[in-house]
Amino acid sequence: MLYRMTIIAEASIPVGVGALNGELGRMLAYLMQRCVDRQITGALVLDSGHFLAVFEGEAESLDHIRSRFERLGRHSNMTVVEYAPIPRRDYHTWSVGSQSPESQPSQLIKKFQTIVPTAGEVRRQVCDLIALGTFAETPPLVGPPRRARA
């Protein structure tokens, strides 16, 4: 059975200009390889010093990724805002994107300072930022997706 896991976490490593040459780049390469190995689709975006991610796959694979993500220690205050069965995937690749470094914090991130946003809000922000462009994406890991929704 397929599941979707949606998370939000504060980055505890540099994520600004040049960060892909350091810990951030190593973390993203590691996550991308694990997602390919386990056929996990979805996206991770950087937004104002926060990681927002949507993972889709088998429960065992998602549990493995969550465990590894927690152990990487490159973030704090990780919150799983959704872990639910899904009838089919919204994504067919694993993508990484980012809000422009000079952008102001999004409304979602401002909200996260006081309350946890809903899974739908996080998914919508991920889709919006991925639509602006990605800086890393796998080849298709599964068949064509249905249109991604928030």
Foldseek 3Di string as FASTA:
>chain_A
DKKKWKKKWAFPADDDPPCCVDPVVVVVVVLQVLCLVQVWAWEWEAFPRMIIIMTMHDPVSVVVSVVVVVVSPRTPPMDTQDIGHDPFDQGQKYFYFYDHRVDDGDPQVVVVVPDHDHRQVSQVVRVVRVVVDTPDMDDGSDPDHDHRHD
